[in-house]
């Protein structure tokens, strides 16, 4: 058993793609179309992926609390997300014990993203 992906509805896949790739350092793993609906996936070093499903109108994000992405250079990532992408810093950055530094930011469509930097 393993986590394969989380899928979220987004109105603007291009903006989401750029944010997750340019700011968070993830990369395209695949894209495809199902029943006329475009899907774009990003991932990192693990096999888990984030799948963006393009919709005309963003639905209720019920059930999605946050996404989690491992980063390096936490302060720079937070600064770029908030200064250059107009994302909100919801919490942090803060150190959790001596193991990790975490922060919560929103992505361009308002989804909460937990950033985790291992120390």
Foldseek 3Di string as FASTA:
>chain_A
DDAQEAEFEDADVVQLQCLCCVLQPWAWPDWDDDPNWTKTWTDHDDNYIYIYIHDNDHDDPPPQQAAEGEHPPVVSSVCCCCPVVVKAWPDDQDDDPQFWTWTWIAGNVGGIYIYIYTD
